[in-house]
C-alpha cells in the first residue's frame, strides 16, 4: 500500500487494522467512486 501513500509512515499493526476494510464486497466500488468523484466524473 506504500504506492497509495508513499510518504505515510505506518507500522505493521496499523496496516493490519486498516487491511480488514479491504475484505469487503463494496471496497472496490467505494474506491472507484472516490477517484471518480475526486476528478469530477461523478456526483
PDB file of N, CA and C in Angstrom:
ATOM      1  N   UNK A   1       0.806  -1.188   0.000  1.00  0.00           N
ATOM      2  CA  UNK A   1       0.000   0.000   0.000  1.00  0.00           C
ATOM      3  C   UNK A   1       0.854   1.258   0.000  1.00  0.00           C
ATOM      4  N   UNK A   2       2.152   1.115   0.078  1.00  0.00           N
ATOM      5  CA  UNK A   2       3.005   2.301   0.058  1.00  0.00           C
ATOM      6  C   UNK A   2       2.852   3.078  -1.240  1.00  0.00           C
ATOM      7  N   UNK A   3       2.414   2.432  -2.315  1.00  0.00           N
ATOM      8  CA  UNK A   3       2.249   3.162  -3.572  1.00  0.00           C
ATOM      9  C   UNK A   3       1.088   4.141  -3.494  1.00  0.00           C
ATOM     10  N   UNK A   4       0.112   3.891  -2.611  1.00  0.00           N
ATOM     11  CA  UNK A   4      -1.025   4.804  -2.471  1.00  0.00           C
ATOM     12  C   UNK A   4      -0.666   6.006  -1.607  1.00  0.00           C
ATOM     13  N   UNK A   5       0.205   5.829  -0.629  1.00  0.00           N
ATOM     14  CA  UNK A   5       0.620   6.903   0.280  1.00  0.00           C
ATOM     15  C   UNK A   5       2.104   6.751   0.580  1.00  0.00           C
ATOM     16  N   UNK A   6       2.956   7.064  -0.390  1.00  0.00           N
ATOM     17  CA  UNK A   6       4.386   6.788  -0.216  1.00  0.00           C
ATOM     18  C   UNK A   6       5.043   7.535   0.938  1.00  0.00           C
ATOM     19  N   UNK A   7       4.487   8.663   1.370  1.00  0.00           N
ATOM     20  CA  UNK A   7       5.125   9.408   2.462  1.00  0.00           C
ATOM     21  C   UNK A   7       4.521   9.100   3.822  1.00  0.00           C
ATOM     22  N   UNK A   8       3.481   8.268   3.862  1.00  0.00           N
ATOM     23  CA  UNK A   8       2.845   7.938   5.135  1.00  0.00           C
ATOM     24  C   UNK A   8       3.636   6.838   5.812  1.00  0.00           C
ATOM     25  N   UNK A   9       4.159   7.123   6.984  1.00  0.00           N
ATOM     26  CA  UNK A   9       4.919   6.127   7.743  1.00  0.00           C
ATOM     27  C   UNK A   9       3.958   5.383   8.665  1.00  0.00           C
ATOM     28  N   UNK A  10       3.845   4.082   8.492  1.00  0.00           N
ATOM     29  CA  UNK A  10       2.954   3.285   9.325  1.00  0.00           C
ATOM     30  C   UNK A  10       3.628   1.974   9.682  1.00  0.00           C
ATOM     31  N   UNK A  11       3.207   1.411  10.808  1.00  0.00           N
ATOM     32  CA  UNK A  11       3.779   0.133  11.230  1.00  0.00           C
ATOM     33  C   UNK A  11       2.856  -1.012  10.803  1.00  0.00           C
ATOM     34  N   UNK A  12       3.312  -2.226  11.033  1.00  0.00           N
ATOM     35  CA  UNK A  12       2.540  -3.401  10.605  1.00  0.00           C
ATOM     36  C   UNK A  12       1.191  -3.500  11.324  1.00  0.00           C
ATOM     37  N   UNK A  13       1.154  -3.115  12.593  1.00  0.00           N
ATOM     38  CA  UNK A  13      -0.116  -3.179  13.332  1.00  0.00           C
ATOM     39  C   UNK A  13      -1.144  -2.224  12.736  1.00  0.00           C
ATOM     40  N   UNK A  14      -0.713  -1.024  12.381  1.00  0.00           N
ATOM     41  CA  UNK A  14      -1.618  -0.054  11.763  1.00  0.00           C
ATOM     42  C   UNK A  14      -2.120  -0.578  10.429  1.00  0.00           C
ATOM     43  N   UNK A  15      -1.219  -1.127   9.632  1.00  0.00           N
ATOM     44  CA  UNK A  15      -1.628  -1.684   8.343  1.00  0.00           C
ATOM     45  C   UNK A  15      -2.616  -2.836   8.534  1.00  0.00           C
ATOM     46  N   UNK A  16      -2.331  -3.725   9.476  1.00  0.00           N
ATOM     47  CA  UNK A  16      -3.217  -4.869   9.712  1.00  0.00           C
ATOM     48  C   UNK A  16      -4.619  -4.423  10.110  1.00  0.00           C
ATOM     49  N   UNK A  17      -4.716  -3.378  10.934  1.00  0.00           N
ATOM     50  CA  UNK A  17      -6.039  -2.878  11.325  1.00  0.00           C
ATOM     51  C   UNK A  17      -6.764  -2.283  10.124  1.00  0.00           C
ATOM     52  N   UNK A  18      -6.053  -1.544   9.290  1.00  0.00           N
ATOM     53  CA  UNK A  18      -6.676  -0.930   8.111  1.00  0.00           C
ATOM     54  C   UNK A  18      -7.018  -1.979   7.053  1.00  0.00           C
ATOM     55  N   UNK A  19      -6.210  -3.007   6.942  1.00  0.00           N
ATOM     56  CA  UNK A  19      -6.394  -4.013   5.894  1.00  0.00           C
ATOM     57  C   UNK A  19      -7.696  -4.786   6.038  1.00  0.00           C
ATOM     58  N   UNK A  20      -8.281  -4.797   7.225  1.00  0.00           N
ATOM     59  CA  UNK A  20      -9.552  -5.502   7.387  1.00  0.00           C
ATOM     60  C   UNK A  20     -10.632  -4.888   6.502  1.00  0.00           C
ATOM     61  N   UNK A  21     -10.507  -3.598   6.182  1.00  0.00           N
ATOM     62  CA  UNK A  21     -11.512  -2.955   5.323  1.00  0.00           C
ATOM     63  C   UNK A  21     -11.413  -3.438   3.876  1.00  0.00           C
ATOM     64  N   UNK A  22     -10.275  -3.991   3.485  1.00  0.00           N
ATOM     65  CA  UNK A  22     -10.116  -4.476   2.111  1.00  0.00           C
ATOM     66  C   UNK A  22     -10.960  -5.725   1.864  1.00  0.00           C
ATOM     67  N   UNK A  23     -11.251  -6.466   2.921  1.00  0.00           N
ATOM     68  CA  UNK A  23     -12.046  -7.691   2.813  1.00  0.00           C
ATOM     69  C   UNK A  23     -13.526  -7.333   2.943  1.00  0.00           C
ATOM     70  N   UNK A  24     -14.002  -6.589   1.963  1.00  0.00           N
ATOM     71  CA  UNK A  24     -15.357  -6.058   1.982  1.00  0.00           C
ATOM     72  C   UNK A  24     -15.862  -6.076   0.546  1.00  0.00           C
ATOM     73  N   UNK A  25     -17.037  -6.609   0.351  1.00  0.00           N
ATOM     74  CA  UNK A  25     -17.578  -6.720  -1.012  1.00  0.00           C
ATOM     75  C   UNK A  25     -17.680  -5.368  -1.712  1.00  0.00           C
ATOM     76  N   UNK A  26     -17.852  -4.287  -0.959  1.00  0.00           N
ATOM     77  CA  UNK A  26     -18.007  -2.971  -1.568  1.00  0.00           C
ATOM     78  C   UNK A  26     -16.726  -2.171  -1.687  1.00  0.00           C
ATOM     79  N   UNK A  27     -15.594  -2.713  -1.260  1.00  0.00           N
ATOM     80  CA  UNK A  27     -14.344  -1.949  -1.229  1.00  0.00           C
ATOM     81  C   UNK A  27     -13.981  -1.376  -2.592  1.00  0.00           C
ATOM     82  N   UNK A  28     -13.983  -2.194  -3.612  1.00  0.00           N
ATOM     83  CA  UNK A  28     -13.589  -1.728  -4.947  1.00  0.00           C
ATOM     84  C   UNK A  28     -14.550  -0.660  -5.444  1.00  0.00           C
ATOM     85  N   UNK A  29     -15.841  -0.864  -5.252  1.00  0.00           N
ATOM     86  CA  UNK A  29     -16.822   0.133  -5.684  1.00  0.00           C
ATOM     87  C   UNK A  29     -16.621   1.468  -4.970  1.00  0.00           C
ATOM     88  N   UNK A  30     -16.329   1.419  -3.683  1.00  0.00           N
ATOM     89  CA  UNK A  30     -16.105   2.648  -2.917  1.00  0.00           C
ATOM     90  C   UNK A  30     -14.858   3.371  -3.415  1.00  0.00           C
ATOM     91  N   UNK A  31     -13.782   2.639  -3.645  1.00  0.00           N
ATOM     92  CA  UNK A  31     -12.537   3.250  -4.114  1.00  0.00           C
ATOM     93  C   UNK A  31     -12.732   3.871  -5.498  1.00  0.00           C
ATOM     94  N   UNK A  32     -13.381   3.147  -6.396  1.00  0.00           N
ATOM     95  CA  UNK A  32     -13.622   3.680  -7.741  1.00  0.00           C
ATOM     96  C   UNK A  32     -14.485   4.924  -7.670  1.00  0.00           C
ATOM     97  N   UNK A  33     -15.528   4.908  -6.853  1.00  0.00           N
ATOM     98  CA  UNK A  33     -16.380   6.088  -6.712  1.00  0.00           C
ATOM     99  C   UNK A  33     -15.579   7.273  -6.176  1.00  0.00           C
ATOM    100  N   UNK A  34     -14.727   7.021  -5.183  1.00  0.00           N
ATOM    101  CA  UNK A  34     -13.913   8.099  -4.626  1.00  0.00           C
ATOM    102  C   UNK A  34     -13.049   8.752  -5.702  1.00  0.00           C
ATOM    103  N   UNK A  35     -12.352   7.943  -6.488  1.00  0.00           N
ATOM    104  CA  UNK A  35     -11.479   8.515  -7.506  1.00  0.00           C
ATOM    105  C   UNK A  35     -12.274   9.219  -8.597  1.00  0.00           C
ATOM    106  N   UNK A  36     -13.415   8.687  -8.977  1.00  0.00           N
ATOM    107  CA  UNK A  36     -14.263   9.370  -9.959  1.00  0.00           C
ATOM    108  C   UNK A  36     -14.756  10.697  -9.399  1.00  0.00           C
ATOM    109  N   UNK A  37     -15.161  10.715  -8.148  1.00  0.00           N
ATOM    110  CA  UNK A  37     -15.618  11.947  -7.505  1.00  0.00           C
ATOM    111  C   UNK A  37     -14.479  12.947  -7.432  1.00  0.00           C
ATOM    112  N   UNK A  38     -13.292  12.464  -7.081  1.00  0.00           N
ATOM    113  CA  UNK A  38     -12.123  13.328  -6.920  1.00  0.00           C
ATOM    114  C   UNK A  38     -11.769  14.050  -8.214  1.00  0.00           C
ATOM    115  N   UNK A  39     -11.972  13.417  -9.350  1.00  0.00           N
ATOM    116  CA  UNK A  39     -11.646  14.059 -10.627  1.00  0.00           C
ATOM    117  C   UNK A  39     -12.877  14.654 -11.303  1.00  0.00           C
ATOM    118  N   UNK A  40     -14.000  14.688 -10.586  1.00  0.00           N
ATOM    119  CA  UNK A  40     -15.197  15.337 -11.100  1.00  0.00           C
ATOM    120  C   UNK A  40     -15.996  14.535 -12.095  1.00  0.00           C
ATOM    121  N   UNK A  41     -15.845  13.219 -12.094  1.00  0.00           N
ATOM    122  CA  UNK A  41     -16.561  12.374 -13.051  1.00  0.00           C
ATOM    123  C   UNK A  41     -17.878  11.833 -12.502  1.00  0.00           C
ATOM    124  N   UNK A  42     -18.187  12.096 -11.229  1.00  0.00           N
ATOM    125  CA  UNK A  42     -19.445  11.648 -10.633  1.00  0.00           C
ATOM    126  C   UNK A  42     -19.817  12.591  -9.503  1.00  0.00           C
ATOM    127  N   UNK A  43     -21.057  12.536  -9.104  1.00  0.00           N
ATOM    128  CA  UNK A  43     -21.517  13.410  -8.007  1.00  0.00           C
ATOM    129  C   UNK A  43     -21.616  12.635  -6.720  1.00  0.00           C
TER     130      UNK A  43
END
